Structure formats: C-alpha cells, structure tokens
Amino acid sequence: MRLRRAAPEDAADLSRIHHASFEDGWSRDDFTTWLARREGIAVVGTSEGETVAFGLALEAGTDAELLSIASNPA
C-alpha cells in the first residue's frame, strides 16, 4: 500500500469507502468540505492504483482530532 495526502478529487472515493464502512456514510460533498478546510489533514492509502483506505483529521493547535478512518471492507 502507498500513502499520499488526499486531494479534493478524492472525495468520491472517500465517500464510497465511508458508505461501505459505516451505516451513515458521509457524502461526496461532506468530504469535499472537509478536504477544503485549511486545518484538515487527510491521507489516502492506495493499492494497485485504487483508493482502499483513508484517515481524516483536523489540526487543533499542537493536537489533531481524528474525524474518521476507514478501509475498504473487502
């Protein structure tokens, strides 16, 4: 698996994984909003060119608050 910083164009993939992992999955628009925040920290994991996992946090001073983390259930 390779890790990289998430970009706005990852919002649809993050929403897909979130919906597969949680009953109340976040929408593409939700992720677009979070990824646009200056204090947002998002990392995606890819395997064979496909996004398979992500972590999303918000910077809070010297700390960070984990908002969500998920992986493709398969």
C-alpha atoms as a PDB file:
ATOM      1  CA  MET A   1       0.000   0.000   0.000  1.00  0.00           C
ATOM      2  CA  ARG A   2       1.134   3.526  -0.763  1.00  0.00           C
ATOM      3  CA  LEU A   3       0.155   6.553   1.291  1.00  0.00           C
ATOM      4  CA  ARG A   4      -0.316  10.076  -0.006  1.00  0.00           C
ATOM      5  CA  ARG A   5      -2.038  13.278   1.030  1.00  0.00           C
ATOM      6  CA  ALA A   6      -5.689  13.364  -0.074  1.00  0.00           C
ATOM      7  CA  ALA A   7      -6.832  15.876  -2.686  1.00  0.00           C
ATOM      8  CA  PRO A   8     -10.294  17.305  -3.413  1.00  0.00           C
ATOM      9  CA  GLU A   9     -10.687  14.907  -6.341  1.00  0.00           C
ATOM     10  CA  ASP A  10     -10.524  12.003  -3.841  1.00  0.00           C
ATOM     11  CA  ALA A  11     -13.873  12.992  -2.282  1.00  0.00           C
ATOM     12  CA  ALA A  12     -15.939  10.454  -4.269  1.00  0.00           C
ATOM     13  CA  ASP A  13     -13.616   7.562  -3.364  1.00  0.00           C
ATOM     14  CA  LEU A  14     -13.576   8.556   0.301  1.00  0.00           C
ATOM     15  CA  SER A  15     -17.372   8.711   0.322  1.00  0.00           C
ATOM     16  CA  ARG A  16     -17.585   5.257  -1.296  1.00  0.00           C
ATOM     17  CA  ILE A  17     -15.309   3.731   1.342  1.00  0.00           C
ATOM     18  CA  HIS A  18     -17.100   5.564   4.166  1.00  0.00           C
ATOM     19  CA  HIS A  19     -20.507   4.285   2.988  1.00  0.00           C
ATOM     20  CA  ALA A  20     -19.135   0.730   2.786  1.00  0.00           C
ATOM     21  CA  SER A  21     -17.764   1.006   6.328  1.00  0.00           C
ATOM     22  CA  PHE A  22     -20.472   2.926   8.209  1.00  0.00           C
ATOM     23  CA  GLU A  23     -24.262   2.864   8.232  1.00  0.00           C
ATOM     24  CA  ASP A  24     -24.453   6.668   7.978  1.00  0.00           C
ATOM     25  CA  GLY A  25     -21.701   7.243   5.436  1.00  0.00           C
ATOM     26  CA  TRP A  26     -20.661  10.756   4.539  1.00  0.00           C
ATOM     27  CA  SER A  27     -21.449  12.174   1.105  1.00  0.00           C
ATOM     28  CA  ARG A  28     -19.019  13.341  -1.543  1.00  0.00           C
ATOM     29  CA  ASP A  29     -19.977  16.929  -0.648  1.00  0.00           C
ATOM     30  CA  ASP A  30     -19.153  16.242   3.019  1.00  0.00           C
ATOM     31  CA  PHE A  31     -15.663  15.104   2.073  1.00  0.00           C
ATOM     32  CA  THR A  32     -15.206  17.994  -0.345  1.00  0.00           C
ATOM     33  CA  THR A  33     -15.951  20.370   2.537  1.00  0.00           C
ATOM     34  CA  TRP A  34     -13.559  18.650   4.966  1.00  0.00           C
ATOM     35  CA  LEU A  35     -10.763  18.398   2.390  1.00  0.00           C
ATOM     36  CA  ALA A  36     -11.028  22.134   1.642  1.00  0.00           C
ATOM     37  CA  ARG A  37     -10.500  23.151   5.264  1.00  0.00           C
ATOM     38  CA  ARG A  38      -7.097  24.695   5.916  1.00  0.00           C
ATOM     39  CA  GLU A  39      -6.687  22.734   9.146  1.00  0.00           C
ATOM     40  CA  GLY A  40      -7.718  19.442   7.525  1.00  0.00           C
ATOM     41  CA  ILE A  41      -5.244  16.566   7.398  1.00  0.00           C
ATOM     42  CA  ALA A  42      -6.234  13.697   5.119  1.00  0.00           C
ATOM     43  CA  VAL A  43      -4.236  10.722   3.918  1.00  0.00           C
ATOM     44  CA  VAL A  44      -5.312   8.022   1.481  1.00  0.00           C
ATOM     45  CA  GLY A  45      -3.914   4.540   1.059  1.00  0.00           C
ATOM     46  CA  THR A  46      -3.815   3.132  -2.450  1.00  0.00           C
ATOM     47  CA  SER A  47      -3.192  -0.352  -3.743  1.00  0.00           C
ATOM     48  CA  GLU A  48      -2.756  -1.069  -7.439  1.00  0.00           C
ATOM     49  CA  GLY A  49      -3.981   2.450  -8.220  1.00  0.00           C
ATOM     50  CA  GLU A  50      -7.226   2.120  -6.234  1.00  0.00           C
ATOM     51  CA  THR A  51      -8.018   4.073  -3.066  1.00  0.00           C
ATOM     52  CA  VAL A  52      -8.543   1.470  -0.340  1.00  0.00           C
ATOM     53  CA  ALA A  53      -8.255   3.407   2.935  1.00  0.00           C
ATOM     54  CA  PHE A  54      -8.155   6.883   4.386  1.00  0.00           C
ATOM     55  CA  GLY A  55      -7.731   8.870   7.566  1.00  0.00           C
ATOM     56  CA  LEU A  56      -9.157  12.339   8.110  1.00  0.00           C
ATOM     57  CA  ALA A  57      -8.255  14.653  10.983  1.00  0.00           C
ATOM     58  CA  LEU A  58      -8.400  18.327  11.898  1.00  0.00           C
ATOM     59  CA  GLU A  59      -5.399  20.146  13.275  1.00  0.00           C
ATOM     60  CA  ALA A  60      -6.195  21.709  16.650  1.00  0.00           C
ATOM     61  CA  GLY A  61      -3.204  23.669  17.874  1.00  0.00           C
ATOM     62  CA  THR A  62      -0.486  21.160  18.730  1.00  0.00           C
ATOM     63  CA  ASP A  63      -3.013  18.301  18.618  1.00  0.00           C
ATOM     64  CA  ALA A  64      -5.254  16.792  15.980  1.00  0.00           C
ATOM     65  CA  GLU A  65      -8.769  15.421  16.204  1.00  0.00           C
ATOM     66  CA  LEU A  66      -9.421  12.224  14.244  1.00  0.00           C
ATOM     67  CA  LEU A  67     -12.709  12.696  12.399  1.00  0.00           C
ATOM     68  CA  SER A  68     -12.863   9.403  10.556  1.00  0.00           C
ATOM     69  CA  ILE A  69     -10.762   6.485   9.435  1.00  0.00           C
ATOM     70  CA  ALA A  70     -11.898   3.638   7.220  1.00  0.00           C
ATOM     71  CA  SER A  71     -10.741   0.986   4.795  1.00  0.00           C
ATOM     72  CA  ASN A  72     -12.383  -0.929   2.024  1.00  0.00           C
ATOM     73  CA  PRO A  73     -14.135  -3.814   3.863  1.00  0.00           C
ATOM     74  CA  ALA A  74     -13.056  -6.249   1.133  1.00  0.00           C
END
